[in-house]
PDB file of N, CA and C in Angstrom:
ATOM      1  N   UNK A   1       0.823  -1.273   0.058  1.00  0.00           N
ATOM      2  CA  UNK A   1      -0.033  -0.034   0.111  1.00  0.00           C
ATOM      3  C   UNK A   1       0.735   1.056  -0.105  1.00  0.00           C
ATOM      4  N   UNK A   2       0.427   2.270  -0.448  1.00  0.00           N
ATOM      5  CA  UNK A   2       1.271   3.471  -0.660  1.00  0.00           C
ATOM      6  C   UNK A   2       1.262   4.205   0.808  1.00  0.00           C
ATOM      7  N   UNK A   3       2.331   4.794   1.105  1.00  0.00           N
ATOM      8  CA  UNK A   3       3.098   5.196   2.588  1.00  0.00           C
ATOM      9  C   UNK A   3       2.113   6.158   2.964  1.00  0.00           C
ATOM     10  N   UNK A   4       1.307   6.017   4.008  1.00  0.00           N
ATOM     11  CA  UNK A   4       0.275   7.222   4.446  1.00  0.00           C
ATOM     12  C   UNK A   4      -0.923   6.950   4.187  1.00  0.00           C
ATOM     13  N   UNK A   5      -1.449   6.091   3.521  1.00  0.00           N
ATOM     14  CA  UNK A   5      -2.877   5.918   2.843  1.00  0.00           C
ATOM     15  C   UNK A   5      -3.508   4.931   3.876  1.00  0.00           C
ATOM     16  N   UNK A   6      -4.730   5.035   4.103  1.00  0.00           N
ATOM     17  CA  UNK A   6      -5.464   3.991   5.109  1.00  0.00           C
ATOM     18  C   UNK A   6      -6.180   3.177   3.638  1.00  0.00           C
ATOM     19  N   UNK A   7      -6.272   2.173   3.885  1.00  0.00           N
ATOM     20  CA  UNK A   7      -7.180   0.969   3.293  1.00  0.00           C
ATOM     21  C   UNK A   7      -8.300   1.436   2.366  1.00  0.00           C
ATOM     22  N   UNK A   8      -9.106   2.707   2.610  1.00  0.00           N
ATOM     23  CA  UNK A   8     -10.333   3.024   1.966  1.00  0.00           C
ATOM     24  C   UNK A   8      -9.665   4.178   1.256  1.00  0.00           C
ATOM     25  N   UNK A   9      -8.584   4.786   1.402  1.00  0.00           N
ATOM     26  CA  UNK A   9      -8.091   5.961   0.615  1.00  0.00           C
ATOM     27  C   UNK A   9      -6.958   5.360  -0.396  1.00  0.00           C
ATOM     28  N   UNK A  10      -6.646   3.968  -0.419  1.00  0.00           N
ATOM     29  CA  UNK A  10      -5.947   3.624  -1.577  1.00  0.00           C
ATOM     30  C   UNK A  10      -6.248   3.756  -2.953  1.00  0.00           C
ATOM     31  N   UNK A  11      -7.427   3.658  -3.121  1.00  0.00           N
ATOM     32  CA  UNK A  11      -7.660   3.467  -4.679  1.00  0.00           C
ATOM     33  C   UNK A  11      -8.405   4.914  -5.104  1.00  0.00           C
ATOM     34  N   UNK A  12      -8.598   6.138  -4.190  1.00  0.00           N
ATOM     35  CA  UNK A  12      -9.006   7.141  -3.954  1.00  0.00           C
ATOM     36  C   UNK A  12      -8.365   8.092  -5.117  1.00  0.00           C
ATOM     37  N   UNK A  13      -9.052   8.680  -6.136  1.00  0.00           N
ATOM     38  CA  UNK A  13      -8.213   9.427  -7.145  1.00  0.00           C
ATOM     39  C   UNK A  13      -8.058   8.706  -8.559  1.00  0.00           C
ATOM     40  N   UNK A  14      -8.204   7.055  -8.505  1.00  0.00           N
ATOM     41  CA  UNK A  14      -7.491   6.230  -9.530  1.00  0.00           C
ATOM     42  C   UNK A  14      -8.563   6.055 -10.466  1.00  0.00           C
ATOM     43  N   UNK A  15      -7.942   5.678 -11.578  1.00  0.00           N
ATOM     44  CA  UNK A  15      -8.962   5.509 -12.998  1.00  0.00           C
ATOM     45  C   UNK A  15      -8.431   3.934 -13.365  1.00  0.00           C
ATOM     46  N   UNK A  16      -9.319   3.469 -14.063  1.00  0.00           N
ATOM     47  CA  UNK A  16      -9.510   2.125 -14.758  1.00  0.00           C
ATOM     48  C   UNK A  16      -8.513   2.372 -15.666  1.00  0.00           C
ATOM     49  N   UNK A  17      -7.645   1.591 -16.292  1.00  0.00           N
ATOM     50  CA  UNK A  17      -6.920   1.937 -17.241  1.00  0.00           C
ATOM     51  C   UNK A  17      -7.467   1.449 -18.681  1.00  0.00           C
ATOM     52  N   UNK A  18      -8.718   0.766 -18.366  1.00  0.00           N
ATOM     53  CA  UNK A  18      -9.500   0.275 -19.827  1.00  0.00           C
ATOM     54  C   UNK A  18     -10.540   1.504 -20.122  1.00  0.00           C
ATOM     55  N   UNK A  19     -11.112   1.867 -19.188  1.00  0.00           N
ATOM     56  CA  UNK A  19     -12.512   2.617 -19.481  1.00  0.00           C
ATOM     57  C   UNK A  19     -12.374   3.947 -18.787  1.00  0.00           C
ATOM     58  N   UNK A  20     -11.532   4.111 -17.978  1.00  0.00           N
ATOM     59  CA  UNK A  20     -11.292   5.499 -17.351  1.00  0.00           C
ATOM     60  C   UNK A  20     -12.135   5.832 -16.333  1.00  0.00           C
ATOM     61  N   UNK A  21     -12.814   4.773 -15.832  1.00  0.00           N
ATOM     62  CA  UNK A  21     -13.823   5.104 -14.926  1.00  0.00           C
ATOM     63  C   UNK A  21     -13.253   5.234 -13.455  1.00  0.00           C
ATOM     64  N   UNK A  22     -14.223   5.457 -12.627  1.00  0.00           N
ATOM     65  CA  UNK A  22     -13.461   5.768 -10.869  1.00  0.00           C
ATOM     66  C   UNK A  22     -13.075   4.590 -10.251  1.00  0.00           C
ATOM     67  N   UNK A  23     -11.997   4.320  -9.733  1.00  0.00           N
ATOM     68  CA  UNK A  23     -12.037   2.797  -8.981  1.00  0.00           C
ATOM     69  C   UNK A  23     -12.302   3.094  -7.639  1.00  0.00           C
ATOM     70  N   UNK A  24     -13.285   2.300  -7.008  1.00  0.00           N
ATOM     71  CA  UNK A  24     -13.528   2.546  -5.713  1.00  0.00           C
ATOM     72  C   UNK A  24     -13.160   1.037  -4.587  1.00  0.00           C
ATOM     73  N   UNK A  25     -13.057   1.404  -3.424  1.00  0.00           N
ATOM     74  CA  UNK A  25     -12.615  -0.109  -2.540  1.00  0.00           C
ATOM     75  C   UNK A  25     -13.829  -0.823  -2.390  1.00  0.00           C
ATOM     76  N   UNK A  26     -13.753  -2.105  -2.695  1.00  0.00           N
ATOM     77  CA  UNK A  26     -14.734  -3.001  -2.732  1.00  0.00           C
ATOM     78  C   UNK A  26     -14.394  -4.326  -1.632  1.00  0.00           C
ATOM     79  N   UNK A  27     -15.031  -5.562  -0.899  1.00  0.00           N
ATOM     80  CA  UNK A  27     -14.557  -6.422  -0.820  1.00  0.00           C
ATOM     81  C   UNK A  27     -15.100  -7.364  -1.517  1.00  0.00           C
ATOM     82  N   UNK A  28     -14.240  -8.085  -2.298  1.00  0.00           N
ATOM     83  CA  UNK A  28     -15.053  -9.181  -3.221  1.00  0.00           C
ATOM     84  C   UNK A  28     -14.642 -10.808  -2.901  1.00  0.00           C
ATOM     85  N   UNK A  29     -15.096 -11.504  -3.698  1.00  0.00           N
ATOM     86  CA  UNK A  29     -14.811 -12.898  -3.616  1.00  0.00           C
ATOM     87  C   UNK A  29     -14.366 -13.520  -4.949  1.00  0.00           C
ATOM     88  N   UNK A  30     -13.279 -14.121  -4.614  1.00  0.00           N
ATOM     89  CA  UNK A  30     -12.474 -14.730  -5.900  1.00  0.00           C
ATOM     90  C   UNK A  30     -12.369 -16.084  -5.954  1.00  0.00           C
ATOM     91  N   UNK A  31     -12.357 -16.747  -6.932  1.00  0.00           N
ATOM     92  CA  UNK A  31     -12.023 -18.176  -7.229  1.00  0.00           C
ATOM     93  C   UNK A  31     -10.631 -18.408  -7.657  1.00  0.00           C
ATOM     94  N   UNK A  32     -10.022 -19.367  -7.556  1.00  0.00           N
ATOM     95  CA  UNK A  32      -8.864 -19.744  -8.384  1.00  0.00           C
ATOM     96  C   UNK A  32      -8.798 -21.296  -8.335  1.00  0.00           C
ATOM     97  N   UNK A  33      -8.237 -22.145  -9.356  1.00  0.00           N
ATOM     98  CA  UNK A  33      -7.908 -23.286  -9.363  1.00  0.00           C
ATOM     99  C   UNK A  33      -6.641 -23.513  -8.962  1.00  0.00           C
ATOM    100  N   UNK A  34      -6.447 -24.616  -7.735  1.00  0.00           N
ATOM    101  CA  UNK A  34      -5.240 -24.896  -7.553  1.00  0.00           C
ATOM    102  C   UNK A  34      -5.124 -26.278  -7.374  1.00  0.00           C
ATOM    103  N   UNK A  35      -4.080 -27.107  -8.031  1.00  0.00           N
ATOM    104  CA  UNK A  35      -3.738 -28.282  -7.926  1.00  0.00           C
ATOM    105  C   UNK A  35      -5.104 -29.225  -8.165  1.00  0.00           C
ATOM    106  N   UNK A  36      -5.810 -28.762  -9.239  1.00  0.00           N
ATOM    107  CA  UNK A  36      -6.765 -29.355  -9.807  1.00  0.00           C
ATOM    108  C   UNK A  36      -8.295 -29.229  -9.170  1.00  0.00           C
ATOM    109  N   UNK A  37      -7.974 -28.379  -7.857  1.00  0.00           N
ATOM    110  CA  UNK A  37      -9.282 -27.997  -7.094  1.00  0.00           C
ATOM    111  C   UNK A  37      -9.618 -26.548  -7.037  1.00  0.00           C
ATOM    112  N   UNK A  38     -10.680 -26.169  -6.785  1.00  0.00           N
ATOM    113  CA  UNK A  38     -11.199 -25.005  -6.704  1.00  0.00           C
ATOM    114  C   UNK A  38     -11.002 -24.284  -5.278  1.00  0.00           C
ATOM    115  N   UNK A  39     -10.765 -23.155  -5.180  1.00  0.00           N
ATOM    116  CA  UNK A  39     -10.528 -22.762  -3.869  1.00  0.00           C
ATOM    117  C   UNK A  39     -11.627 -21.007  -3.883  1.00  0.00           C
ATOM    118  N   UNK A  40     -12.218 -20.844  -2.879  1.00  0.00           N
ATOM    119  CA  UNK A  40     -12.889 -19.497  -3.028  1.00  0.00           C
ATOM    120  C   UNK A  40     -12.313 -18.836  -1.996  1.00  0.00           C
ATOM    121  N   UNK A  41     -12.041 -17.579  -2.173  1.00  0.00           N
ATOM    122  CA  UNK A  41     -11.384 -16.685  -1.126  1.00  0.00           C
ATOM    123  C   UNK A  41     -12.213 -15.381  -1.131  1.00  0.00           C
ATOM    124  N   UNK A  42     -12.850 -15.482   0.384  1.00  0.00           N
ATOM    125  CA  UNK A  42     -13.754 -14.342   0.445  1.00  0.00           C
ATOM    126  C   UNK A  42     -13.244 -13.083   1.231  1.00  0.00           C
ATOM    127  N   UNK A  43     -13.846 -11.807   1.299  1.00  0.00           N
ATOM    128  CA  UNK A  43     -13.586 -10.698   1.647  1.00  0.00           C
ATOM    129  C   UNK A  43     -12.147 -10.489   1.050  1.00  0.00           C
ATOM    130  N   UNK A  44     -11.985 -10.244   0.122  1.00  0.00           N
ATOM    131  CA  UNK A  44     -10.685  -9.625  -0.732  1.00  0.00           C
ATOM    132  C   UNK A  44     -10.762  -8.230  -0.938  1.00  0.00           C
ATOM    133  N   UNK A  45     -10.011  -7.169  -0.293  1.00  0.00           N
ATOM    134  CA  UNK A  45      -9.675  -5.944  -0.975  1.00  0.00           C
ATOM    135  C   UNK A  45      -9.329  -5.640  -2.201  1.00  0.00           C
ATOM    136  N   UNK A  46     -10.399  -4.860  -2.895  1.00  0.00           N
ATOM    137  CA  UNK A  46     -10.067  -4.747  -4.238  1.00  0.00           C
ATOM    138  C   UNK A  46     -10.406  -3.315  -4.544  1.00  0.00           C
ATOM    139  N   UNK A  47      -9.543  -2.864  -5.635  1.00  0.00           N
ATOM    140  CA  UNK A  47     -10.082  -1.662  -6.381  1.00  0.00           C
ATOM    141  C   UNK A  47     -11.291  -2.229  -7.526  1.00  0.00           C
ATOM    142  N   UNK A  48     -12.433  -1.813  -7.543  1.00  0.00           N
ATOM    143  CA  UNK A  48     -13.155  -2.145  -8.486  1.00  0.00           C
ATOM    144  C   UNK A  48     -13.786  -0.934  -9.472  1.00  0.00           C
ATOM    145  N   UNK A  49     -13.532  -0.844 -10.707  1.00  0.00           N
ATOM    146  CA  UNK A  49     -13.887   0.203 -11.629  1.00  0.00           C
ATOM    147  C   UNK A  49     -15.771   0.360 -11.375  1.00  0.00           C
ATOM    148  N   UNK A  50     -16.046   1.315 -11.328  1.00  0.00           N
ATOM    149  CA  UNK A  50     -17.541   1.719 -11.279  1.00  0.00           C
ATOM    150  C   UNK A  50     -18.236   1.408 -12.284  1.00  0.00           C
ATOM    151  N   UNK A  51     -17.401   1.566 -13.760  1.00  0.00           N
ATOM    152  CA  UNK A  51     -17.750   1.688 -14.915  1.00  0.00           C
ATOM    153  C   UNK A  51     -18.080   0.026 -15.364  1.00  0.00           C
ATOM    154  N   UNK A  52     -16.824  -0.407 -15.713  1.00  0.00           N
ATOM    155  CA  UNK A  52     -16.527  -1.791 -16.394  1.00  0.00           C
ATOM    156  C   UNK A  52     -16.599  -2.900 -15.326  1.00  0.00           C
ATOM    157  N   UNK A  53     -16.145  -2.375 -14.194  1.00  0.00           N
ATOM    158  CA  UNK A  53     -16.097  -3.956 -12.903  1.00  0.00           C
ATOM    159  C   UNK A  53     -14.763  -4.420 -13.009  1.00  0.00           C
ATOM    160  N   UNK A  54     -13.603  -4.046 -13.632  1.00  0.00           N
ATOM    161  CA  UNK A  54     -12.504  -4.295 -13.591  1.00  0.00           C
ATOM    162  C   UNK A  54     -11.787  -4.551 -12.041  1.00  0.00           C
ATOM    163  N   UNK A  55     -11.186  -5.386 -11.898  1.00  0.00           N
ATOM    164  CA  UNK A  55     -10.533  -5.367 -10.202  1.00  0.00           C
ATOM    165  C   UNK A  55      -9.175  -5.097 -10.560  1.00  0.00           C
ATOM    166  N   UNK A  56      -8.677  -4.499  -9.126  1.00  0.00           N
ATOM    167  CA  UNK A  56      -7.282  -4.232  -9.051  1.00  0.00           C
ATOM    168  C   UNK A  56      -7.004  -4.396  -7.694  1.00  0.00           C
ATOM    169  N   UNK A  57      -6.119  -5.194  -7.402  1.00  0.00           N
ATOM    170  CA  UNK A  57      -5.427  -5.537  -6.394  1.00  0.00           C
ATOM    171  C   UNK A  57      -4.276  -4.722  -5.861  1.00  0.00           C
ATOM    172  N   UNK A  58      -3.940  -4.636  -4.636  1.00  0.00           N
ATOM    173  CA  UNK A  58      -2.770  -4.311  -4.185  1.00  0.00           C
ATOM    174  C   UNK A  58      -1.519  -5.000  -3.758  1.00  0.00           C
ATOM    175  N   UNK A  59      -0.332  -4.706  -3.972  1.00  0.00           N
ATOM    176  CA  UNK A  59       0.718  -5.841  -3.985  1.00  0.00           C
ATOM    177  C   UNK A  59       0.578  -6.748  -2.854  1.00  0.00           C
ATOM    178  N   UNK A  60       0.155  -6.004  -1.640  1.00  0.00           N
ATOM    179  CA  UNK A  60       0.234  -6.931  -0.379  1.00  0.00           C
ATOM    180  C   UNK A  60      -1.004  -7.756  -0.250  1.00  0.00           C
ATOM    181  N   UNK A  61      -2.047  -7.477  -1.008  1.00  0.00           N
ATOM    182  CA  UNK A  61      -3.226  -8.322  -0.856  1.00  0.00           C
ATOM    183  C   UNK A  61      -2.749  -9.738  -1.954  1.00  0.00           C
ATOM    184  N   UNK A  62      -1.849  -9.469  -2.904  1.00  0.00           N
ATOM    185  CA  UNK A  62      -1.891 -10.230  -4.072  1.00  0.00           C
ATOM    186  C   UNK A  62      -1.125 -11.435  -3.326  1.00  0.00           C
ATOM    187  N   UNK A  63      -0.076 -11.013  -2.804  1.00  0.00           N
ATOM    188  CA  UNK A  63       1.055 -11.728  -1.865  1.00  0.00           C
ATOM    189  C   UNK A  63       0.266 -12.676  -0.651  1.00  0.00           C
ATOM    190  N   UNK A  64      -0.867 -12.022   0.045  1.00  0.00           N
ATOM    191  CA  UNK A  64      -1.536 -12.801   0.973  1.00  0.00           C
ATOM    192  C   UNK A  64      -2.430 -13.776   0.124  1.00  0.00           C
ATOM    193  N   UNK A  65      -3.077 -13.599  -0.982  1.00  0.00           N
ATOM    194  CA  UNK A  65      -3.581 -14.349  -1.732  1.00  0.00           C
ATOM    195  C   UNK A  65      -2.668 -15.712  -1.880  1.00  0.00           C
ATOM    196  N   UNK A  66      -1.400 -15.222  -2.668  1.00  0.00           N
ATOM    197  CA  UNK A  66      -0.678 -16.574  -2.915  1.00  0.00           C
ATOM    198  C   UNK A  66      -0.288 -17.274  -1.871  1.00  0.00           C
ATOM    199  N   UNK A  67      -0.239 -17.037  -0.365  1.00  0.00           N
ATOM    200  CA  UNK A  67       0.293 -17.619   0.790  1.00  0.00           C
ATOM    201  C   UNK A  67      -1.112 -18.496   0.887  1.00  0.00           C
ATOM    202  N   UNK A  68      -2.017 -18.043   0.723  1.00  0.00           N
ATOM    203  CA  UNK A  68      -3.463 -18.680   0.800  1.00  0.00           C
ATOM    204  C   UNK A  68      -3.553 -19.831   0.017  1.00  0.00           C
ATOM    205  N   UNK A  69      -3.444 -19.536  -1.244  1.00  0.00           N
ATOM    206  CA  UNK A  69      -3.741 -20.588  -2.206  1.00  0.00           C
ATOM    207  C   UNK A  69      -2.474 -21.613  -2.324  1.00  0.00           C
ATOM    208  N   UNK A  70      -1.296 -21.232  -1.795  1.00  0.00           N
ATOM    209  CA  UNK A  70      -0.101 -22.121  -1.639  1.00  0.00           C
ATOM    210  C   UNK A  70      -0.256 -23.282  -0.236  1.00  0.00           C
ATOM    211  N   UNK A  71      -1.312 -22.925   0.550  1.00  0.00           N
ATOM    212  CA  UNK A  71      -1.720 -23.759   1.736  1.00  0.00           C
ATOM    213  C   UNK A  71      -1.028 -23.326   3.084  1.00  0.00           C
ATOM    214  N   UNK A  72      -0.508 -21.825   2.736  1.00  0.00           N
ATOM    215  CA  UNK A  72       0.391 -21.584   4.108  1.00  0.00           C
ATOM    216  C   UNK A  72      -0.632 -21.130   5.336  1.00  0.00           C
ATOM    217  N   UNK A  73      -1.918 -21.074   4.898  1.00  0.00           N
ATOM    218  CA  UNK A  73      -2.736 -20.467   5.855  1.00  0.00           C
ATOM    219  C   UNK A  73      -3.941 -21.582   5.569  1.00  0.00           C
ATOM    220  N   UNK A  74      -4.650 -21.722   7.076  1.00  0.00           N
ATOM    221  CA  UNK A  74      -5.834 -23.118   7.011  1.00  0.00           C
ATOM    222  C   UNK A  74      -7.004 -22.207   6.372  1.00  0.00           C
ATOM    223  N   UNK A  75      -7.793 -22.868   5.825  1.00  0.00           N
ATOM    224  CA  UNK A  75      -9.178 -22.803   5.208  1.00  0.00           C
ATOM    225  C   UNK A  75     -10.078 -22.267   6.465  1.00  0.00           C
ATOM    226  N   UNK A  76     -11.036 -21.506   6.371  1.00  0.00           N
ATOM    227  CA  UNK A  76     -12.025 -21.153   7.343  1.00  0.00           C
ATOM    228  C   UNK A  76     -13.079 -22.279   7.357  1.00  0.00           C
ATOM    229  N   UNK A  77     -13.093 -22.734   6.409  1.00  0.00           N
ATOM    230  CA  UNK A  77     -14.448 -23.702   5.982  1.00  0.00           C
ATOM    231  C   UNK A  77     -14.190 -24.457   4.640  1.00  0.00           C
ATOM    232  N   UNK A  78     -14.941 -25.319   4.737  1.00  0.00           N
ATOM    233  CA  UNK A  78     -15.062 -26.000   3.341  1.00  0.00           C
ATOM    234  C   UNK A  78     -16.923 -26.185   2.899  1.00  0.00           C
ATOM    235  N   UNK A  79     -16.734 -25.715   1.551  1.00  0.00           N
ATOM    236  CA  UNK A  79     -18.236 -26.084   1.216  1.00  0.00           C
ATOM    237  C   UNK A  79     -18.303 -26.948  -0.120  1.00  0.00           C
ATOM    238  N   UNK A  80     -19.399 -27.933  -0.182  1.00  0.00           N
ATOM    239  CA  UNK A  80     -19.716 -28.510  -0.979  1.00  0.00           C
ATOM    240  C   UNK A  80     -20.163 -27.766  -2.405  1.00  0.00           C
ATOM    241  N   UNK A  81     -19.673 -27.829  -3.586  1.00  0.00           N
ATOM    242  CA  UNK A  81     -20.296 -27.096  -4.594  1.00  0.00           C
ATOM    243  C   UNK A  81     -20.685 -28.297  -5.595  1.00  0.00           C
ATOM    244  N   UNK A  82     -22.039 -27.791  -6.195  1.00  0.00           N
ATOM    245  CA  UNK A  82     -22.768 -28.844  -7.205  1.00  0.00           C
ATOM    246  C   UNK A  82     -21.984 -28.433  -8.606  1.00  0.00           C
ATOM    247  N   UNK A  83     -21.575 -29.631  -9.574  1.00  0.00           N
ATOM    248  CA  UNK A  83     -21.076 -29.060 -10.780  1.00  0.00           C
ATOM    249  C   UNK A  83     -22.236 -29.633 -11.853  1.00  0.00           C
ATOM    250  N   UNK A  84     -22.438 -28.758 -12.745  1.00  0.00           N
ATOM    251  CA  UNK A  84     -23.186 -29.343 -13.870  1.00  0.00           C
ATOM    252  C   UNK A  84     -22.575 -29.304 -14.960  1.00  0.00           C
ATOM    253  N   UNK A  85     -22.879 -29.948 -16.181  1.00  0.00           N
ATOM    254  CA  UNK A  85     -22.423 -30.208 -17.349  1.00  0.00           C
ATOM    255  C   UNK A  85     -23.630 -29.974 -18.414  1.00  0.00           C
ATOM    256  N   UNK A  86     -23.489 -29.035 -19.355  1.00  0.00           N
ATOM    257  CA  UNK A  86     -24.257 -29.214 -20.284  1.00  0.00           C
ATOM    258  C   UNK A  86     -23.630 -30.010 -21.689  1.00  0.00           C
TER     259      UNK A  86
END
């Protein structure tokens, strides 16, 4: 994070590189496939474009996500996910 900025101010004044919309701080969920299994990561702080929805992540958040999906952090819970095929 930028020095001297709080979490909610990190994205203030930033614009989307694709559509130039305003970026606002939100908490999002993201899924990733790791070693053939899907993982869900909840409550991820992200900058989200108000116009097109593009997500941006701070470096420290990406580091935490990497540690999480590499198994260095214990999962909070597990859920069963139905799978459909068409």
